Every structure is written in C-alpha cells, then in structure tokens.
Amino acid sequence: IPLLPICQRIINSQPKFGEYIFYGIHGDPITASVLKKLYLRLRKITGIETITNHVARHTFATRLLEAGVDEKAISTLLGHSSTAFTMDQYVEAQTKHLKTSIYQMCFK
C-alpha cells in the first residue's frame, strides 16, 4: 500500500518489535481479539454499533471515490481483481455526494 511520506516517517520512527507495523503496549502484535476489544470500546464511547474493520474498508472506498480517485485504483488498494466488484460491494453513494455531483453537472 503506498503511503504518504509523513505516514512512512511515523511508522519508521516507531520501535520495532518484529515483522509487524503495529504492536500493543506490551510489545505484542495487534491481533483480531485486540481489535475487537478496541471496537467494543469505541462502540460504547460513540454509541455507533457498526464500527468494524469491514465498515472502515467500505468508508475508505467511498471516500476515495468521492475524492475523485480512479475506480481501478480503489479496487487495487482494496486488493480486488474486479473493479465492478469493488464498486458494487464496497462503495456507498452518500446523499451529500450525490447532490454535489448533480450540482457540478448542472452548473459546470
């Protein structure tokens, strides 16, 4: 995954415990159970019951499309071989974005 230079610098400045990028406070790799606990805490704090890795992927894909990123690039970033699959399964058309798109089309 291509990273912005600032992200690469942040990652490179972190202590290395092994082959992974992210580790817990005790130096253990971040596991699925650690992420699940994190999501449970986030859900409790925010009241949003749908916070998951999968939802984050959908949001990421949607925001990339809204920012004008090419559909093939989005599909590649998500690790999909089919652009159609990515667009059908991962990208949500947000009402605000749809309104902006119509406005842009009408008032170019």
N, C-alpha and C. Protein backbone atom coordinates (compact mmCIF):
# COMPACT_ATOMS: atom_id res chain seq x y z
N ILE A 1 0.85 -1.17 0.00
CA ILE A 1 0.00 0.00 0.00
C ILE A 1 0.90 1.23 0.00
N PRO A 2 0.71 2.11 -0.97
CA PRO A 2 1.51 3.33 -0.97
C PRO A 2 1.13 4.23 0.20
N LEU A 3 2.14 4.81 0.83
CA LEU A 3 1.90 5.67 1.98
C LEU A 3 2.41 7.08 1.70
N LEU A 4 1.74 8.06 2.29
CA LEU A 4 2.24 9.43 2.24
C LEU A 4 3.58 9.47 2.98
N PRO A 5 4.50 10.33 2.57
CA PRO A 5 5.80 10.40 3.24
C PRO A 5 5.69 10.61 4.75
N ILE A 6 4.76 11.43 5.21
CA ILE A 6 4.63 11.65 6.66
C ILE A 6 4.21 10.37 7.37
N CYS A 7 3.34 9.58 6.75
CA CYS A 7 2.94 8.30 7.36
C CYS A 7 4.13 7.35 7.43
N GLN A 8 4.93 7.33 6.36
CA GLN A 8 6.10 6.47 6.35
C GLN A 8 7.08 6.88 7.44
N ARG A 9 7.28 8.19 7.64
CA ARG A 9 8.18 8.67 8.70
C ARG A 9 7.66 8.26 10.08
N ILE A 10 6.35 8.37 10.30
CA ILE A 10 5.77 7.99 11.59
C ILE A 10 6.00 6.51 11.85
N ILE A 11 5.73 5.69 10.86
CA ILE A 11 5.93 4.24 11.00
C ILE A 11 7.40 3.92 11.25
N ASN A 12 8.28 4.56 10.50
CA ASN A 12 9.72 4.31 10.65
C ASN A 12 10.24 4.76 12.00
N SER A 13 9.58 5.73 12.63
CA SER A 13 10.06 6.24 13.92
C SER A 13 9.60 5.37 15.10
N GLN A 14 8.70 4.44 14.84
CA GLN A 14 8.18 3.58 15.91
C GLN A 14 9.18 2.48 16.25
N PRO A 15 9.25 2.09 17.52
CA PRO A 15 10.16 0.99 17.87
C PRO A 15 9.73 -0.30 17.16
N LYS A 16 10.72 -1.08 16.74
CA LYS A 16 10.44 -2.33 16.02
C LYS A 16 10.55 -3.51 16.99
N PHE A 17 9.46 -4.28 17.08
CA PHE A 17 9.44 -5.47 17.93
C PHE A 17 9.51 -6.74 17.10
N GLY A 18 9.28 -6.61 15.80
CA GLY A 18 9.24 -7.77 14.93
C GLY A 18 8.83 -7.37 13.54
N GLU A 19 8.17 -8.28 12.82
CA GLU A 19 7.83 -8.06 11.42
C GLU A 19 6.57 -7.21 11.19
N TYR A 20 5.78 -6.99 12.22
CA TYR A 20 4.54 -6.23 12.06
C TYR A 20 4.78 -4.73 12.24
N ILE A 21 3.84 -3.93 11.79
CA ILE A 21 3.94 -2.47 11.93
C ILE A 21 3.41 -2.03 13.28
N PHE A 22 2.27 -2.57 13.69
CA PHE A 22 1.61 -2.13 14.91
C PHE A 22 1.68 -3.20 16.00
N TYR A 23 1.96 -2.74 17.21
CA TYR A 23 2.05 -3.63 18.37
C TYR A 23 1.29 -2.99 19.52
N GLY A 24 0.86 -3.83 20.45
CA GLY A 24 0.19 -3.34 21.65
C GLY A 24 1.19 -2.73 22.62
N ILE A 25 0.69 -2.23 23.73
CA ILE A 25 1.55 -1.53 24.70
C ILE A 25 2.57 -2.45 25.36
N HIS A 26 2.35 -3.76 25.30
CA HIS A 26 3.30 -4.70 25.88
C HIS A 26 4.21 -5.34 24.83
N GLY A 27 4.17 -4.80 23.60
CA GLY A 27 5.04 -5.32 22.54
C GLY A 27 4.50 -6.51 21.81
N ASP A 28 3.23 -6.88 22.06
CA ASP A 28 2.62 -8.00 21.36
C ASP A 28 1.97 -7.50 20.07
N PRO A 29 1.97 -8.33 19.01
CA PRO A 29 1.30 -7.92 17.77
C PRO A 29 -0.19 -7.65 18.02
N ILE A 30 -0.74 -6.72 17.25
CA ILE A 30 -2.17 -6.44 17.32
C ILE A 30 -2.89 -7.62 16.67
N THR A 31 -3.75 -8.28 17.43
CA THR A 31 -4.48 -9.45 16.93
C THR A 31 -5.94 -9.09 16.70
N ALA A 32 -6.66 -10.02 16.12
CA ALA A 32 -8.09 -9.82 15.88
C ALA A 32 -8.82 -9.57 17.20
N SER A 33 -8.45 -10.26 18.25
CA SER A 33 -9.13 -10.08 19.53
C SER A 33 -8.83 -8.70 20.12
N VAL A 34 -7.61 -8.19 19.92
CA VAL A 34 -7.28 -6.84 20.38
C VAL A 34 -8.13 -5.81 19.63
N LEU A 35 -8.25 -5.99 18.32
CA LEU A 35 -9.07 -5.07 17.52
C LEU A 35 -10.54 -5.14 17.95
N LYS A 36 -11.01 -6.34 18.23
CA LYS A 36 -12.40 -6.50 18.66
C LYS A 36 -12.64 -5.72 19.95
N LYS A 37 -11.71 -5.82 20.90
CA LYS A 37 -11.84 -5.07 22.15
C LYS A 37 -11.83 -3.57 21.89
N LEU A 38 -10.98 -3.13 20.97
CA LEU A 38 -10.93 -1.71 20.61
C LEU A 38 -12.27 -1.26 20.05
N TYR A 39 -12.83 -2.05 19.14
CA TYR A 39 -14.13 -1.69 18.55
C TYR A 39 -15.23 -1.67 19.60
N LEU A 40 -15.19 -2.61 20.54
CA LEU A 40 -16.20 -2.62 21.60
C LEU A 40 -16.12 -1.34 22.44
N ARG A 41 -14.89 -0.90 22.74
CA ARG A 41 -14.72 0.36 23.48
C ARG A 41 -15.21 1.54 22.66
N LEU A 42 -14.87 1.58 21.37
CA LEU A 42 -15.31 2.67 20.51
C LEU A 42 -16.83 2.71 20.40
N ARG A 43 -17.44 1.53 20.27
CA ARG A 43 -18.90 1.47 20.20
C ARG A 43 -19.54 2.01 21.47
N LYS A 44 -18.98 1.66 22.61
CA LYS A 44 -19.51 2.12 23.88
C LYS A 44 -19.38 3.64 24.01
N ILE A 45 -18.23 4.17 23.63
CA ILE A 45 -17.98 5.62 23.74
C ILE A 45 -18.84 6.41 22.77
N THR A 46 -18.94 5.94 21.52
CA THR A 46 -19.63 6.70 20.48
C THR A 46 -21.11 6.38 20.35
N GLY A 47 -21.51 5.21 20.80
CA GLY A 47 -22.89 4.79 20.59
C GLY A 47 -23.14 4.27 19.18
N ILE A 48 -22.09 4.17 18.37
CA ILE A 48 -22.20 3.67 17.00
C ILE A 48 -21.93 2.16 17.03
N GLU A 49 -22.95 1.39 16.73
CA GLU A 49 -22.85 -0.07 16.86
C GLU A 49 -22.23 -0.76 15.65
N THR A 50 -21.94 -0.01 14.60
CA THR A 50 -21.48 -0.64 13.36
C THR A 50 -19.98 -0.44 13.09
N ILE A 51 -19.19 -0.11 14.10
CA ILE A 51 -17.76 0.10 13.88
C ILE A 51 -17.05 -1.26 13.78
N THR A 52 -16.50 -1.55 12.59
CA THR A 52 -15.74 -2.78 12.35
C THR A 52 -14.67 -2.49 11.30
N ASN A 53 -13.73 -3.43 11.13
CA ASN A 53 -12.75 -3.32 10.04
C ASN A 53 -13.46 -3.23 8.70
N HIS A 54 -14.47 -4.07 8.54
CA HIS A 54 -15.17 -4.15 7.27
C HIS A 54 -15.86 -2.82 6.94
N VAL A 55 -16.49 -2.23 7.92
CA VAL A 55 -17.14 -0.92 7.71
C VAL A 55 -16.09 0.13 7.37
N ALA A 56 -14.93 0.06 8.00
CA ALA A 56 -13.85 1.00 7.69
C ALA A 56 -13.41 0.86 6.24
N ARG A 57 -13.35 -0.37 5.74
CA ARG A 57 -13.00 -0.58 4.32
C ARG A 57 -14.03 0.04 3.39
N HIS A 58 -15.30 -0.13 3.72
CA HIS A 58 -16.37 0.47 2.91
C HIS A 58 -16.25 1.99 2.92
N THR A 59 -16.04 2.56 4.09
CA THR A 59 -15.91 4.01 4.22
C THR A 59 -14.70 4.51 3.45
N PHE A 60 -13.57 3.81 3.57
CA PHE A 60 -12.36 4.17 2.85
C PHE A 60 -12.62 4.21 1.35
N ALA A 61 -13.24 3.16 0.81
CA ALA A 61 -13.52 3.08 -0.62
C ALA A 61 -14.46 4.22 -1.05
N THR A 62 -15.47 4.47 -0.25
CA THR A 62 -16.42 5.53 -0.57
C THR A 62 -15.75 6.90 -0.59
N ARG A 63 -14.94 7.18 0.42
CA ARG A 63 -14.26 8.48 0.50
C ARG A 63 -13.26 8.66 -0.64
N LEU A 64 -12.58 7.58 -1.04
CA LEU A 64 -11.67 7.66 -2.18
C LEU A 64 -12.44 8.04 -3.44
N LEU A 65 -13.57 7.39 -3.67
CA LEU A 65 -14.38 7.70 -4.85
C LEU A 65 -14.86 9.14 -4.81
N GLU A 66 -15.34 9.57 -3.65
CA GLU A 66 -15.81 10.96 -3.51
C GLU A 66 -14.70 11.97 -3.76
N ALA A 67 -13.47 11.58 -3.47
CA ALA A 67 -12.32 12.47 -3.68
C ALA A 67 -11.85 12.45 -5.14
N GLY A 68 -12.51 11.64 -5.96
CA GLY A 68 -12.16 11.61 -7.37
C GLY A 68 -11.11 10.59 -7.75
N VAL A 69 -10.82 9.64 -6.86
CA VAL A 69 -9.83 8.61 -7.15
C VAL A 69 -10.41 7.64 -8.18
N ASP A 70 -9.59 7.24 -9.11
CA ASP A 70 -9.97 6.31 -10.17
C ASP A 70 -10.48 4.99 -9.59
N GLU A 71 -11.54 4.45 -10.19
CA GLU A 71 -12.15 3.21 -9.69
C GLU A 71 -11.16 2.04 -9.69
N LYS A 72 -10.31 1.94 -10.68
CA LYS A 72 -9.33 0.86 -10.74
C LYS A 72 -8.33 0.99 -9.59
N ALA A 73 -7.94 2.21 -9.27
CA ALA A 73 -7.01 2.43 -8.16
C ALA A 73 -7.65 2.01 -6.85
N ILE A 74 -8.92 2.33 -6.67
CA ILE A 74 -9.63 1.93 -5.44
C ILE A 74 -9.67 0.41 -5.34
N SER A 75 -10.01 -0.23 -6.43
CA SER A 75 -10.08 -1.69 -6.46
C SER A 75 -8.73 -2.31 -6.11
N THR A 76 -7.67 -1.76 -6.67
CA THR A 76 -6.32 -2.26 -6.39
C THR A 76 -5.94 -2.05 -4.93
N LEU A 77 -6.24 -0.87 -4.39
CA LEU A 77 -5.93 -0.60 -2.99
C LEU A 77 -6.64 -1.55 -2.04
N LEU A 78 -7.85 -1.98 -2.41
CA LEU A 78 -8.60 -2.91 -1.58
C LEU A 78 -8.22 -4.37 -1.84
N GLY A 79 -7.37 -4.59 -2.84
CA GLY A 79 -6.92 -5.94 -3.14
C GLY A 79 -7.89 -6.75 -3.97
N HIS A 80 -8.75 -6.07 -4.71
CA HIS A 80 -9.73 -6.76 -5.55
C HIS A 80 -9.22 -6.84 -6.99
N SER A 81 -9.55 -7.90 -7.68
CA SER A 81 -9.17 -8.03 -9.10
C SER A 81 -10.23 -7.44 -10.01
N SER A 82 -11.43 -7.25 -9.48
CA SER A 82 -12.54 -6.74 -10.28
C SER A 82 -13.00 -5.37 -9.79
N THR A 83 -12.91 -4.39 -10.69
CA THR A 83 -13.40 -3.05 -10.37
C THR A 83 -14.90 -3.07 -10.13
N ALA A 84 -15.60 -3.87 -10.92
CA ALA A 84 -17.06 -3.96 -10.78
C ALA A 84 -17.43 -4.47 -9.39
N PHE A 85 -16.71 -5.47 -8.89
CA PHE A 85 -16.99 -5.99 -7.55
C PHE A 85 -16.80 -4.90 -6.51
N THR A 86 -15.69 -4.17 -6.62
CA THR A 86 -15.41 -3.09 -5.66
C THR A 86 -16.53 -2.06 -5.66
N MET A 87 -16.93 -1.64 -6.84
CA MET A 87 -17.96 -0.59 -6.94
C MET A 87 -19.31 -1.10 -6.43
N ASP A 88 -19.63 -2.34 -6.75
CA ASP A 88 -20.92 -2.90 -6.34
C ASP A 88 -20.99 -3.21 -4.84
N GLN A 89 -19.90 -3.71 -4.28
CA GLN A 89 -19.91 -4.20 -2.91
C GLN A 89 -19.38 -3.22 -1.87
N TYR A 90 -18.48 -2.33 -2.27
CA TYR A 90 -17.79 -1.53 -1.27
C TYR A 90 -18.12 -0.05 -1.27
N VAL A 91 -18.56 0.48 -2.37
CA VAL A 91 -18.74 1.93 -2.45
C VAL A 91 -20.20 2.28 -2.20
N GLU A 92 -20.43 3.13 -1.21
CA GLU A 92 -21.77 3.59 -0.87
C GLU A 92 -21.96 4.99 -1.43
N ALA A 93 -23.04 5.21 -2.13
CA ALA A 93 -23.32 6.54 -2.65
C ALA A 93 -23.99 7.36 -1.54
N GLN A 94 -23.26 8.32 -1.03
CA GLN A 94 -23.77 9.17 0.04
C GLN A 94 -24.64 10.28 -0.56
N THR A 95 -25.72 10.62 0.10
CA THR A 95 -26.66 11.63 -0.38
C THR A 95 -25.96 12.96 -0.64
N LYS A 96 -25.11 13.40 0.27
CA LYS A 96 -24.41 14.66 0.11
C LYS A 96 -23.55 14.64 -1.16
N HIS A 97 -22.86 13.54 -1.38
CA HIS A 97 -22.01 13.42 -2.55
C HIS A 97 -22.87 13.41 -3.82
N LEU A 98 -24.00 12.72 -3.77
CA LEU A 98 -24.88 12.67 -4.94
C LEU A 98 -25.39 14.08 -5.29
N LYS A 99 -25.78 14.84 -4.27
CA LYS A 99 -26.25 16.20 -4.51
C LYS A 99 -25.14 17.06 -5.10
N THR A 100 -23.94 16.93 -4.57
CA THR A 100 -22.80 17.69 -5.07
C THR A 100 -22.51 17.33 -6.52
N SER A 101 -22.60 16.04 -6.83
CA SER A 101 -22.35 15.59 -8.20
C SER A 101 -23.37 16.16 -9.17
N ILE A 102 -24.64 16.16 -8.79
CA ILE A 102 -25.69 16.73 -9.65
C ILE A 102 -25.46 18.22 -9.83
N TYR A 103 -25.11 18.92 -8.75
CA TYR A 103 -24.85 20.35 -8.81
C TYR A 103 -23.68 20.64 -9.77
N GLN A 104 -22.62 19.86 -9.67
CA GLN A 104 -21.46 20.05 -10.53
C GLN A 104 -21.82 19.82 -12.00
N MET A 105 -22.65 18.81 -12.25
CA MET A 105 -23.05 18.51 -13.60
C MET A 105 -23.89 19.65 -14.19
N CYS A 106 -24.78 20.20 -13.39
CA CYS A 106 -25.70 21.23 -13.87
C CYS A 106 -25.05 22.61 -14.00
N PHE A 107 -24.06 22.89 -13.19
CA PHE A 107 -23.51 24.24 -13.14
C PHE A 107 -22.03 24.30 -13.50
N LYS A 108 -21.59 23.44 -14.43
CA LYS A 108 -20.20 23.47 -14.88
C LYS A 108 -19.94 24.69 -15.72
